[in-house]
């Protein structure tokens, strides 16, 4: 059996007022998203900045797991932390 050459991942976000929304994907639970507090948002919601860092961190984990599995290296545990930095640069835009 051959695997498809293309994969598609769709999401939908619905604005809920102010700077908040609900993010959903096919057969996935919805999560509250919005601007972070430093951009006039509310605490307790995932921001695009956090989701980007989380995406890179989970991609790293899954890549490491695939390499270990293909190399027949048994893993006992794995914990990964990631930190992203967003800064305003003078004179840019």
N, C-alpha and C. Protein backbone atom coordinates (compact mmCIF):
# COMPACT_ATOMS: atom_id res chain seq x y z
N UNK A 1 0.85 -1.18 0.00
CA UNK A 1 0.00 0.00 0.00
C UNK A 1 0.89 1.24 0.00
N UNK A 2 0.63 2.14 -0.91
CA UNK A 2 1.41 3.38 -0.97
C UNK A 2 0.70 4.47 -0.20
N UNK A 3 1.50 5.37 0.32
CA UNK A 3 0.97 6.47 1.10
C UNK A 3 0.77 7.69 0.21
N UNK A 4 -0.26 8.45 0.47
CA UNK A 4 -0.55 9.64 -0.32
C UNK A 4 0.61 10.62 -0.24
N UNK A 5 0.81 11.39 -1.31
CA UNK A 5 1.91 12.35 -1.37
C UNK A 5 1.54 13.69 -0.74
N UNK A 6 0.26 13.95 -0.57
CA UNK A 6 -0.18 15.23 -0.02
C UNK A 6 -1.10 15.00 1.17
N UNK A 7 -0.98 15.87 2.14
CA UNK A 7 -1.82 15.81 3.33
C UNK A 7 -2.36 17.21 3.58
N UNK A 8 -3.58 17.29 4.03
CA UNK A 8 -4.20 18.58 4.29
C UNK A 8 -4.68 18.62 5.73
N UNK A 9 -4.46 19.73 6.40
CA UNK A 9 -4.88 19.93 7.77
C UNK A 9 -5.66 21.23 7.84
N UNK A 10 -6.91 21.14 8.23
CA UNK A 10 -7.75 22.32 8.24
C UNK A 10 -8.17 22.68 9.65
N UNK A 11 -8.28 23.96 9.89
CA UNK A 11 -8.79 24.46 11.16
C UNK A 11 -9.82 25.54 10.86
N UNK A 12 -10.61 25.83 11.85
CA UNK A 12 -11.58 26.91 11.74
C UNK A 12 -11.56 27.69 13.04
N UNK A 13 -11.57 29.00 12.94
CA UNK A 13 -11.63 29.83 14.13
C UNK A 13 -12.88 30.70 14.04
N UNK A 14 -13.60 30.77 15.15
CA UNK A 14 -14.81 31.59 15.21
C UNK A 14 -14.61 32.68 16.25
N UNK A 15 -14.76 33.91 15.81
CA UNK A 15 -14.60 35.06 16.69
C UNK A 15 -15.73 35.05 17.72
N UNK A 16 -15.36 35.28 19.00
CA UNK A 16 -16.33 35.26 20.08
C UNK A 16 -16.53 36.62 20.73
N UNK A 17 -15.89 37.63 20.18
CA UNK A 17 -15.99 38.96 20.77
C UNK A 17 -14.65 39.38 21.32
N UNK A 18 -14.47 40.68 21.43
CA UNK A 18 -13.21 41.26 21.85
C UNK A 18 -12.08 40.65 21.03
N UNK A 19 -11.04 40.17 21.67
CA UNK A 19 -9.91 39.55 20.95
C UNK A 19 -9.83 38.07 21.28
N UNK A 20 -10.98 37.40 21.20
CA UNK A 20 -11.07 35.99 21.57
C UNK A 20 -11.80 35.20 20.50
N UNK A 21 -11.45 33.92 20.39
CA UNK A 21 -12.11 33.04 19.46
C UNK A 21 -12.06 31.60 19.92
N UNK A 22 -12.70 30.75 19.16
CA UNK A 22 -12.70 29.31 19.42
C UNK A 22 -12.09 28.63 18.20
N UNK A 23 -11.06 27.84 18.42
CA UNK A 23 -10.33 27.15 17.36
C UNK A 23 -10.74 25.69 17.34
N UNK A 24 -11.11 25.18 16.16
CA UNK A 24 -11.48 23.78 16.03
C UNK A 24 -10.79 23.18 14.82
N UNK A 25 -10.74 21.87 14.82
CA UNK A 25 -10.22 21.12 13.69
C UNK A 25 -11.08 19.88 13.54
N UNK A 26 -10.96 19.22 12.42
CA UNK A 26 -11.74 18.02 12.16
C UNK A 26 -11.56 16.99 13.26
N UNK A 27 -12.65 16.61 13.89
CA UNK A 27 -12.66 15.60 14.96
C UNK A 27 -11.75 15.95 16.13
N UNK A 28 -11.56 17.24 16.40
CA UNK A 28 -10.72 17.68 17.51
C UNK A 28 -11.53 18.56 18.45
N UNK A 29 -11.19 18.56 19.74
CA UNK A 29 -11.90 19.45 20.66
C UNK A 29 -11.53 20.90 20.39
N UNK A 30 -12.45 21.80 20.65
CA UNK A 30 -12.17 23.21 20.44
C UNK A 30 -11.33 23.75 21.59
N UNK A 31 -10.53 24.76 21.29
CA UNK A 31 -9.75 25.44 22.33
C UNK A 31 -9.96 26.94 22.19
N UNK A 32 -9.92 27.61 23.32
CA UNK A 32 -10.06 29.05 23.31
C UNK A 32 -8.75 29.70 22.90
N UNK A 33 -8.83 30.60 21.93
CA UNK A 33 -7.63 31.30 21.45
C UNK A 33 -7.89 32.80 21.51
N UNK A 34 -6.81 33.54 21.52
CA UNK A 34 -6.95 34.99 21.52
C UNK A 34 -5.61 35.67 21.63
N UNK A 35 -5.68 36.97 21.67
CA UNK A 35 -4.47 37.76 21.82
C UNK A 35 -3.93 37.58 23.25
N UNK A 36 -2.61 37.57 23.41
CA UNK A 36 -2.07 37.48 24.76
C UNK A 36 -2.32 38.78 25.52
N UNK A 37 -2.24 38.74 26.84
CA UNK A 37 -2.50 39.94 27.64
C UNK A 37 -1.65 41.14 27.22
N UNK A 38 -0.41 40.91 26.79
CA UNK A 38 0.45 42.03 26.40
C UNK A 38 -0.01 42.71 25.11
N UNK A 39 -0.97 42.10 24.40
CA UNK A 39 -1.56 42.70 23.21
C UNK A 39 -3.06 42.91 23.43
N UNK A 40 -3.42 43.32 24.62
CA UNK A 40 -4.80 43.63 25.01
C UNK A 40 -5.73 42.42 24.95
N UNK A 41 -5.18 41.24 25.18
CA UNK A 41 -5.99 40.03 25.22
C UNK A 41 -6.28 39.62 26.65
N UNK A 42 -6.79 38.41 26.80
CA UNK A 42 -7.19 37.88 28.09
C UNK A 42 -6.33 36.68 28.47
N UNK A 43 -6.10 36.50 29.76
CA UNK A 43 -5.40 35.31 30.25
C UNK A 43 -6.29 34.09 30.05
N UNK A 44 -5.67 32.92 30.01
CA UNK A 44 -6.43 31.68 29.96
C UNK A 44 -6.79 31.20 28.57
N UNK A 45 -6.26 31.84 27.54
CA UNK A 45 -6.50 31.41 26.16
C UNK A 45 -5.17 31.22 25.46
N UNK A 46 -5.10 30.24 24.59
CA UNK A 46 -3.90 30.03 23.79
C UNK A 46 -3.76 31.17 22.79
N UNK A 47 -2.56 31.72 22.70
CA UNK A 47 -2.29 32.78 21.72
C UNK A 47 -1.61 32.17 20.50
N UNK A 48 -1.65 32.87 19.36
CA UNK A 48 -0.93 32.37 18.19
C UNK A 48 0.56 32.16 18.48
N UNK A 49 1.13 33.03 19.30
CA UNK A 49 2.55 32.91 19.65
C UNK A 49 2.81 31.62 20.41
N UNK A 50 1.95 31.30 21.38
CA UNK A 50 2.10 30.05 22.13
C UNK A 50 1.88 28.83 21.24
N UNK A 51 0.90 28.92 20.35
CA UNK A 51 0.62 27.80 19.46
C UNK A 51 1.79 27.53 18.51
N UNK A 52 2.47 28.59 18.06
CA UNK A 52 3.63 28.42 17.19
C UNK A 52 4.75 27.70 17.94
N UNK A 53 5.05 28.14 19.16
CA UNK A 53 6.10 27.49 19.96
C UNK A 53 5.70 26.05 20.28
N UNK A 54 4.43 25.83 20.62
CA UNK A 54 3.95 24.47 20.91
C UNK A 54 4.06 23.57 19.68
N UNK A 55 3.81 24.12 18.50
CA UNK A 55 3.91 23.36 17.26
C UNK A 55 5.34 22.89 17.02
N UNK A 56 6.29 23.80 17.20
CA UNK A 56 7.70 23.44 17.02
C UNK A 56 8.12 22.40 18.06
N UNK A 57 7.70 22.58 19.31
CA UNK A 57 8.07 21.66 20.37
C UNK A 57 7.49 20.26 20.15
N UNK A 58 6.22 20.18 19.75
CA UNK A 58 5.62 18.87 19.51
C UNK A 58 6.19 18.22 18.25
N UNK A 59 6.56 19.01 17.25
CA UNK A 59 7.21 18.47 16.05
C UNK A 59 8.56 17.86 16.42
N UNK A 60 9.31 18.55 17.27
CA UNK A 60 10.59 18.03 17.74
C UNK A 60 10.40 16.69 18.44
N UNK A 61 9.41 16.62 19.34
CA UNK A 61 9.14 15.38 20.07
C UNK A 61 8.82 14.24 19.10
N UNK A 62 7.91 14.49 18.16
CA UNK A 62 7.49 13.44 17.24
C UNK A 62 8.62 13.01 16.32
N UNK A 63 9.48 13.94 15.92
CA UNK A 63 10.64 13.60 15.09
C UNK A 63 11.61 12.72 15.88
N UNK A 64 11.89 13.09 17.12
CA UNK A 64 12.78 12.30 17.96
C UNK A 64 12.21 10.90 18.19
N UNK A 65 10.91 10.82 18.44
CA UNK A 65 10.28 9.51 18.64
C UNK A 65 10.37 8.65 17.38
N UNK A 66 10.18 9.24 16.21
CA UNK A 66 10.27 8.48 14.96
C UNK A 66 11.69 7.99 14.72
N UNK A 67 12.67 8.85 15.00
CA UNK A 67 14.08 8.44 14.83
C UNK A 67 14.42 7.31 15.79
N UNK A 68 13.99 7.42 17.05
CA UNK A 68 14.26 6.37 18.03
C UNK A 68 13.59 5.06 17.62
N UNK A 69 12.35 5.14 17.17
CA UNK A 69 11.63 3.94 16.75
C UNK A 69 12.30 3.28 15.56
N UNK A 70 12.67 4.08 14.56
CA UNK A 70 13.33 3.52 13.37
C UNK A 70 14.71 2.99 13.68
N UNK A 71 15.35 3.51 14.71
CA UNK A 71 16.69 3.06 15.11
C UNK A 71 16.63 1.96 16.16
N UNK A 72 15.43 1.54 16.52
CA UNK A 72 15.21 0.49 17.53
C UNK A 72 15.80 0.88 18.89
N UNK A 73 15.70 2.17 19.22
CA UNK A 73 16.17 2.67 20.52
C UNK A 73 14.95 2.83 21.42
N UNK A 74 14.87 2.03 22.49
CA UNK A 74 13.71 2.16 23.38
C UNK A 74 13.84 3.42 24.26
N UNK A 75 12.80 4.21 24.28
CA UNK A 75 12.79 5.39 25.14
C UNK A 75 11.98 5.09 26.39
N UNK A 76 12.45 5.59 27.50
CA UNK A 76 11.75 5.41 28.77
C UNK A 76 10.85 6.62 29.03
N UNK A 77 11.36 7.80 28.73
CA UNK A 77 10.56 9.01 28.90
C UNK A 77 11.15 10.13 28.05
N UNK A 78 10.36 11.15 27.87
CA UNK A 78 10.81 12.31 27.09
C UNK A 78 10.05 13.53 27.58
N UNK A 79 10.78 14.57 27.93
CA UNK A 79 10.19 15.85 28.29
C UNK A 79 10.95 16.91 27.51
N UNK A 80 10.23 17.80 26.87
CA UNK A 80 10.87 18.85 26.10
C UNK A 80 10.23 20.19 26.45
N UNK A 81 11.04 21.19 26.67
CA UNK A 81 10.55 22.54 26.92
C UNK A 81 10.98 23.42 25.75
N UNK A 82 10.16 24.40 25.42
CA UNK A 82 10.50 25.33 24.34
C UNK A 82 10.11 26.73 24.78
N UNK A 83 10.86 27.69 24.30
CA UNK A 83 10.59 29.09 24.61
C UNK A 83 10.75 29.90 23.34
N UNK A 84 9.78 30.72 23.04
CA UNK A 84 9.84 31.61 21.89
C UNK A 84 9.97 33.04 22.37
N UNK A 85 10.58 33.86 21.56
CA UNK A 85 10.76 35.27 21.90
C UNK A 85 10.20 36.14 20.79
N UNK A 86 9.35 37.07 21.17
CA UNK A 86 8.80 38.04 20.25
C UNK A 86 9.25 39.41 20.74
N UNK A 87 9.90 40.13 19.86
CA UNK A 87 10.34 41.46 20.27
C UNK A 87 10.10 42.47 19.17
N UNK A 88 9.82 43.67 19.60
CA UNK A 88 9.63 44.77 18.66
C UNK A 88 11.00 45.33 18.31
N UNK A 89 11.24 45.49 17.02
CA UNK A 89 12.51 46.02 16.56
C UNK A 89 12.32 47.46 16.09
N UNK A 90 13.12 48.35 16.63
CA UNK A 90 13.04 49.76 16.25
C UNK A 90 13.24 49.95 14.77
N UNK A 91 12.40 50.76 14.14
CA UNK A 91 12.57 51.08 12.72
C UNK A 91 12.00 50.05 11.76
N UNK A 92 11.49 48.94 12.28
CA UNK A 92 10.92 47.91 11.41
C UNK A 92 9.41 48.08 11.36
N UNK A 93 8.91 48.57 10.26
CA UNK A 93 7.49 48.70 10.07
C UNK A 93 6.90 49.74 10.87
